[in-house]
Amino acid sequence: MSVHELKRPPIADSVEWQVKAPQALEQLRHWGQVSPLQTALRHKRHGQWFVWRWIDALRDVERLADGLRQQGFTEDSRLALSGTFEPNLLLLALAAKHVGGEVLTLPDTLDAESLHKVLWRSRPTHAFIQGRQARQLWLNHGQSLLSFDELLGPVEPPQRLRLGVNSAQLWSEEGTQWQDGLTVLLDQWLASGQSLAFPESPGSASRDRREVAPSGLLLSAERLQRLADEIDSRLAPPGTWRRRLCDWAIAHPEKPLQRLIKNRVRRLLGFHNLHFIWQATRSPDAQPAPTWLAEFKRDIA
């Protein structure tokens, strides 16, 4: 995780990548005041769950804002974020907004040529980059690197947590390749005041999701389809009697046996406390929501 300082060009066309969350800081301060000791963020690191309380999140944002100012970040600056969504990225985005600058999210899957084109258009002045390969691409553009810890300064590390089931907890296993994702996360997290949890890595998302058993998923259309594929891979092959039994259970959940089968599948996926899946309104030609997910999905205009 690192921050790159870029030369600021005179003109930028950055609307496509802007993060829009106008009430974010006001909402963060609200939860920091009314629920300071309640859990705001959870993230699994090195096999351990860590927790940030609302007061911790608010203080970290203020510290990061001071660190950004020391690196020349002002109201005229643009911070580019690229990588997996997790607490450091969210808190840094809020810190940039605290200073008054602009926040952009750029995909972390760009090749060198594509990155050059995006940078030429968006013209960020600073950037926070995750992933070794992505960092190297930015280094190849001649950018200097600063660590996240240097921006935050001396501070107590987040608390380790023995994870228990939380009845109201949001879950994200996305990254900045979801163009509107950070806006969605900030809006849903800060408007609800619920805890927001993240897996250790994309590869461990399924396992970590089962440990958290979230009440709400914040998913892009692409991630929703991958989740549907994961569900399908866990079920018996199509055409077998076990698969027909599963399909029968989802079609007739009112009977005890069907409910038992359906609930076992949900638990395997970490869905046993799931109440909803956030999903942007789908286009008319989009694929229908998978059967096992349709009952949870909320279309958001």
Protein backbone atom coordinates (compact mmCIF):
# COMPACT_ATOMS: atom_id res chain seq x y z
CA MET A 1 0.00 0.00 0.00
CA SER A 2 1.51 3.29 -1.01
CA VAL A 3 0.93 6.86 -2.00
CA HIS A 4 2.39 8.41 -5.12
CA GLU A 5 2.71 12.16 -5.61
CA LEU A 6 2.18 13.21 -9.21
CA LYS A 7 2.95 16.43 -11.02
CA ARG A 8 -0.24 18.43 -11.21
CA PRO A 9 -1.29 19.32 -14.78
CA PRO A 10 -3.33 22.42 -15.55
CA ILE A 11 -6.47 20.61 -16.79
CA ALA A 12 -8.05 17.27 -15.89
CA ASP A 13 -11.01 15.31 -17.20
CA SER A 14 -11.70 13.28 -14.07
CA VAL A 15 -15.51 13.16 -13.87
CA GLU A 16 -15.63 9.52 -14.95
CA TRP A 17 -13.64 8.37 -11.91
CA GLN A 18 -14.93 10.76 -9.25
CA VAL A 19 -16.17 9.48 -5.90
CA LYS A 20 -19.38 11.26 -4.91
CA ALA A 21 -20.23 11.14 -1.22
CA PRO A 22 -21.12 14.72 -0.21
CA GLN A 23 -22.43 13.85 3.26
CA ALA A 24 -19.69 11.37 4.15
CA LEU A 25 -17.74 13.47 6.65
CA GLU A 26 -20.86 14.78 8.35
CA GLN A 27 -22.14 11.21 8.74
CA LEU A 28 -18.79 9.95 10.02
CA ARG A 29 -18.73 12.67 12.68
CA HIS A 30 -22.31 11.78 13.62
CA TRP A 31 -21.48 8.12 14.30
CA GLY A 32 -18.26 9.12 16.03
CA GLN A 33 -20.34 11.17 18.46
CA VAL A 34 -23.42 8.99 19.02
CA SER A 35 -21.79 5.53 18.78
CA PRO A 36 -18.08 6.11 19.41
CA LEU A 37 -17.34 2.64 20.81
CA GLN A 38 -19.46 0.66 18.36
CA THR A 39 -17.73 -1.25 15.57
CA ALA A 40 -17.40 0.67 12.31
CA LEU A 41 -15.00 -1.51 10.26
CA ARG A 42 -13.72 -5.09 10.32
CA HIS A 43 -10.88 -6.49 8.26
CA LYS A 44 -9.05 -9.80 8.32
CA ARG A 45 -5.27 -9.43 8.27
CA HIS A 46 -2.74 -12.25 8.55
CA GLY A 47 -5.48 -14.64 9.65
CA GLN A 48 -6.78 -12.33 12.42
CA TRP A 49 -9.85 -10.12 12.46
CA PHE A 50 -9.25 -6.48 13.39
CA VAL A 51 -11.83 -3.90 14.35
CA TRP A 52 -12.07 -0.10 14.10
CA ARG A 53 -14.61 1.65 16.31
CA TRP A 54 -16.34 4.75 14.99
CA ILE A 55 -14.14 6.96 17.16
CA ASP A 56 -11.05 5.17 15.80
CA ALA A 57 -12.19 5.75 12.21
CA LEU A 58 -12.85 9.43 12.88
CA ARG A 59 -9.46 9.96 14.54
CA ASP A 60 -7.63 8.09 11.77
CA VAL A 61 -9.29 10.27 9.14
CA GLU A 62 -8.14 13.40 10.95
CA ARG A 63 -4.57 12.05 11.25
CA LEU A 64 -4.51 11.04 7.59
CA ALA A 65 -5.79 14.47 6.58
CA ASP A 66 -2.84 16.06 8.42
CA GLY A 67 -0.49 13.61 6.70
CA LEU A 68 -1.89 14.47 3.29
CA ARG A 69 -1.48 18.19 3.95
CA GLN A 70 2.18 17.57 4.81
CA GLN A 71 2.52 15.92 1.39
CA GLY A 72 1.14 19.00 -0.36
CA PHE A 73 -2.46 17.81 -0.72
CA THR A 74 -4.85 20.77 -0.89
CA GLU A 75 -8.37 21.64 -2.00
CA ASP A 76 -7.07 21.73 -5.58
CA SER A 77 -5.56 18.22 -5.40
CA ARG A 78 -6.87 14.94 -6.77
CA LEU A 79 -6.25 11.65 -4.97
CA ALA A 80 -6.39 8.49 -7.11
CA LEU A 81 -7.18 5.22 -5.33
CA SER A 82 -6.54 1.83 -6.89
CA GLY A 83 -6.86 -1.60 -5.32
CA THR A 84 -9.03 -3.75 -3.09
CA PHE A 85 -11.56 -2.08 -0.84
CA GLU A 86 -10.47 -2.25 2.81
CA PRO A 87 -10.26 0.16 5.78
CA ASN A 88 -7.05 1.96 4.77
CA LEU A 89 -8.45 2.85 1.36
CA LEU A 90 -11.80 4.05 2.76
CA LEU A 91 -10.21 6.11 5.52
CA LEU A 92 -7.78 7.73 3.11
CA ALA A 93 -10.63 8.65 0.77
CA LEU A 94 -12.44 10.30 3.67
CA ALA A 95 -9.24 12.11 4.68
CA ALA A 96 -8.87 13.56 1.19
CA LYS A 97 -12.46 14.79 1.38
CA HIS A 98 -11.69 16.20 4.82
CA VAL A 99 -8.98 18.35 3.24
CA GLY A 100 -11.40 19.31 0.48
CA GLY A 101 -9.68 17.62 -2.45
CA GLU A 102 -11.11 15.36 -5.12
CA VAL A 103 -11.14 11.54 -4.85
CA LEU A 104 -10.87 9.26 -7.90
CA THR A 105 -10.97 5.46 -8.18
CA LEU A 106 -8.96 3.81 -10.94
CA PRO A 107 -9.03 0.07 -11.79
CA ASP A 108 -6.07 -1.93 -10.53
CA THR A 109 -6.17 -4.19 -13.61
CA LEU A 110 -4.85 -1.66 -16.15
CA ASP A 111 -1.83 -2.51 -18.28
CA ALA A 112 0.93 0.06 -18.79
CA GLU A 113 -0.57 1.61 -21.92
CA SER A 114 -4.08 1.83 -20.46
CA LEU A 115 -2.75 3.31 -17.24
CA HIS A 116 -0.86 5.96 -19.20
CA LYS A 117 -4.06 6.96 -21.02
CA VAL A 118 -6.12 7.08 -17.84
CA LEU A 119 -3.52 9.17 -16.03
CA TRP A 120 -3.31 11.55 -18.97
CA ARG A 121 -7.05 12.15 -18.75
CA SER A 122 -7.65 12.07 -14.99
CA ARG A 123 -4.41 13.84 -14.00
CA PRO A 124 -4.31 12.89 -10.29
CA THR A 125 -1.90 14.82 -8.10
CA HIS A 126 -1.54 12.02 -5.52
CA ALA A 127 -2.35 8.32 -5.50
CA PHE A 128 -2.81 5.40 -3.13
CA ILE A 129 -1.97 2.13 -4.86
CA GLN A 130 -2.35 -1.46 -3.66
CA GLY A 131 -0.80 -4.59 -5.11
CA ARG A 132 2.82 -5.20 -6.09
CA GLN A 133 2.19 -5.27 -9.84
CA ALA A 134 0.11 -2.10 -9.83
CA ARG A 135 2.67 -0.27 -7.69
CA GLN A 136 5.41 -1.25 -10.12
CA LEU A 137 3.45 0.21 -13.02
CA TRP A 138 3.16 3.49 -11.16
CA LEU A 139 6.86 3.38 -10.32
CA ASN A 140 7.56 2.91 -14.01
CA HIS A 141 5.86 6.24 -14.54
CA GLY A 142 8.53 7.83 -12.35
CA GLN A 143 6.44 8.29 -9.22
CA SER A 144 7.82 8.36 -5.67
CA LEU A 145 6.26 6.18 -2.98
CA LEU A 146 5.14 6.94 0.56
CA SER A 147 3.80 4.38 3.01
CA PHE A 148 0.32 4.56 4.48
CA ASP A 149 1.85 4.33 7.96
CA GLU A 150 3.85 7.49 7.34
CA LEU A 151 0.68 9.37 6.47
CA LEU A 152 -1.15 8.07 9.55
CA GLY A 153 1.73 8.70 11.95
CA PRO A 154 2.15 7.07 15.39
CA VAL A 155 -1.14 5.52 16.46
CA GLU A 156 -2.34 2.45 18.32
CA PRO A 157 -2.97 -0.47 15.93
CA PRO A 158 -6.56 -1.64 15.42
CA GLN A 159 -7.85 -4.09 18.01
CA ARG A 160 -7.86 -7.82 17.39
CA LEU A 161 -11.31 -9.32 17.48
CA ARG A 162 -12.71 -12.72 18.26
CA LEU A 163 -15.39 -12.57 15.64
CA GLY A 164 -18.98 -13.18 16.67
CA VAL A 165 -22.13 -12.98 14.58
CA ASN A 166 -23.32 -9.42 14.15
CA SER A 167 -27.01 -9.11 13.29
CA ALA A 168 -26.45 -5.96 11.22
CA GLN A 169 -23.23 -6.05 9.25
CA LEU A 170 -22.39 -5.08 5.68
CA TRP A 171 -19.90 -7.00 3.56
CA SER A 172 -17.73 -6.03 0.58
CA GLU A 173 -15.35 -8.19 -1.47
CA GLU A 174 -14.82 -5.66 -4.26
CA GLY A 175 -12.15 -3.24 -5.46
CA THR A 176 -11.73 -0.11 -7.52
CA GLN A 177 -12.46 -2.00 -10.74
CA TRP A 178 -16.10 -1.41 -9.67
CA GLN A 179 -16.31 2.14 -10.98
CA ASP A 180 -19.04 3.40 -8.62
CA GLY A 181 -18.16 1.02 -5.83
CA LEU A 182 -16.52 3.39 -3.39
CA THR A 183 -19.43 5.82 -3.65
CA VAL A 184 -21.81 2.92 -2.92
CA LEU A 185 -19.77 1.70 0.05
CA LEU A 186 -19.47 5.13 1.64
CA ASP A 187 -23.16 5.89 1.11
CA GLN A 188 -24.46 2.57 2.46
CA TRP A 189 -22.00 2.29 5.34
CA LEU A 190 -22.23 5.85 6.62
CA ALA A 191 -25.98 6.24 6.10
CA SER A 192 -26.77 3.03 8.00
CA GLY A 193 -24.18 3.19 10.77
CA GLN A 194 -23.67 -0.57 10.41
CA SER A 195 -20.31 -2.26 10.60
CA LEU A 196 -18.62 -2.85 7.23
CA ALA A 197 -16.40 -5.93 6.88
CA PHE A 198 -13.77 -6.97 4.31
CA PRO A 199 -12.04 -10.30 3.60
CA GLU A 200 -8.31 -10.76 3.89
CA SER A 201 -7.99 -11.20 0.12
CA PRO A 202 -10.18 -11.93 -2.91
CA GLY A 203 -9.09 -15.55 -2.74
CA SER A 204 -10.27 -15.94 0.86
CA ALA A 205 -13.54 -14.04 0.38
CA SER A 206 -15.79 -17.11 0.46
CA ARG A 207 -14.23 -18.49 3.65
CA ASP A 208 -14.12 -15.12 5.40
CA ARG A 209 -17.72 -14.38 4.40
CA ARG A 210 -18.85 -17.54 6.17
CA GLU A 211 -17.08 -16.38 9.34
CA VAL A 212 -18.76 -12.97 9.25
CA ALA A 213 -22.24 -14.12 8.16
CA PRO A 214 -23.18 -10.61 6.96
CA SER A 215 -26.69 -9.18 6.86
CA GLY A 216 -26.06 -7.20 3.66
CA LEU A 217 -23.82 -7.58 0.60
CA LEU A 218 -22.62 -4.61 -1.47
CA LEU A 219 -21.93 -6.06 -4.91
CA SER A 220 -21.32 -4.97 -8.48
CA ALA A 221 -23.14 -6.78 -11.28
CA GLU A 222 -19.93 -8.62 -12.17
CA ARG A 223 -19.34 -9.79 -8.59
CA LEU A 224 -22.97 -10.87 -8.29
CA GLN A 225 -22.51 -13.12 -11.32
CA ARG A 226 -19.27 -14.57 -9.89
CA LEU A 227 -21.10 -15.24 -6.65
CA ALA A 228 -23.82 -17.02 -8.60
CA ASP A 229 -21.14 -19.12 -10.29
CA GLU A 230 -19.70 -19.97 -6.87
CA ILE A 231 -23.11 -21.09 -5.68
CA ASP A 232 -23.58 -23.22 -8.78
CA SER A 233 -20.20 -24.87 -8.26
CA ARG A 234 -21.17 -25.86 -4.72
CA LEU A 235 -24.42 -27.52 -5.78
CA ALA A 236 -24.78 -30.97 -7.27
CA PRO A 237 -24.37 -31.15 -11.07
CA PRO A 238 -27.44 -30.20 -13.15
CA GLY A 239 -29.67 -33.14 -13.98
CA THR A 240 -28.80 -35.16 -10.86
CA TRP A 241 -31.41 -36.02 -8.26
CA ARG A 242 -29.55 -33.96 -5.63
CA ARG A 243 -29.62 -30.88 -7.87
CA ARG A 244 -33.32 -31.39 -8.60
CA LEU A 245 -33.88 -31.60 -4.84
CA CYS A 246 -32.06 -28.29 -4.32
CA ASP A 247 -34.04 -26.60 -7.09
CA TRP A 248 -37.25 -27.98 -5.62
CA ALA A 249 -36.30 -26.62 -2.20
CA ILE A 250 -35.76 -23.08 -3.46
CA ALA A 251 -39.02 -23.19 -5.41
CA HIS A 252 -41.06 -24.39 -2.40
CA PRO A 253 -39.40 -22.99 0.74
CA GLU A 254 -42.56 -23.18 2.83
CA LYS A 255 -42.16 -26.90 3.62
CA PRO A 256 -39.85 -28.12 6.45
CA LEU A 257 -37.58 -30.34 4.33
CA GLN A 258 -37.13 -27.70 1.68
CA ARG A 259 -36.33 -25.07 4.31
CA LEU A 260 -33.73 -27.40 5.85
CA ILE A 261 -31.98 -27.94 2.50
CA LYS A 262 -32.11 -24.27 1.61
CA ASN A 263 -30.74 -23.19 4.99
CA ARG A 264 -27.82 -25.63 4.71
CA VAL A 265 -26.85 -24.14 1.35
CA ARG A 266 -27.11 -20.63 2.80
CA ARG A 267 -24.82 -21.52 5.68
CA LEU A 268 -22.21 -22.94 3.30
CA LEU A 269 -22.18 -19.56 1.55
CA GLY A 270 -22.26 -17.43 4.71
CA PHE A 271 -25.81 -16.33 3.89
CA HIS A 272 -27.60 -17.54 7.03
CA ASN A 273 -28.02 -13.97 8.32
CA LEU A 274 -28.37 -12.33 4.91
CA HIS A 275 -31.26 -9.90 4.46
CA PHE A 276 -30.36 -8.07 1.27
CA ILE A 277 -27.92 -7.68 -1.60
CA TRP A 278 -27.36 -4.14 -2.84
CA GLN A 279 -27.48 -4.09 -6.61
CA ALA A 280 -27.66 -1.18 -9.03
CA THR A 281 -30.69 -1.22 -11.32
CA ARG A 282 -30.05 -3.73 -14.07
CA SER A 283 -30.44 -2.93 -17.75
CA PRO A 284 -33.32 -4.63 -19.65
CA ASP A 285 -30.91 -6.95 -21.48
CA ALA A 286 -29.03 -8.02 -18.33
CA GLN A 287 -29.14 -11.62 -17.17
CA PRO A 288 -31.81 -12.32 -14.54
CA ALA A 289 -30.68 -12.61 -10.95
CA PRO A 290 -29.71 -16.20 -10.02
CA THR A 291 -32.48 -18.07 -8.24
CA TRP A 292 -30.54 -18.46 -5.01
CA LEU A 293 -29.88 -14.70 -4.87
CA ALA A 294 -33.06 -13.16 -6.32
CA GLU A 295 -34.97 -13.05 -3.03
CA PHE A 296 -32.23 -10.94 -1.41
CA LYS A 297 -31.54 -8.49 -4.22
CA ARG A 298 -32.59 -4.86 -3.96
CA ASP A 299 -32.57 -2.79 -7.13
CA ILE A 300 -31.30 0.71 -6.41
CA ALA A 301 -32.13 3.40 -8.96
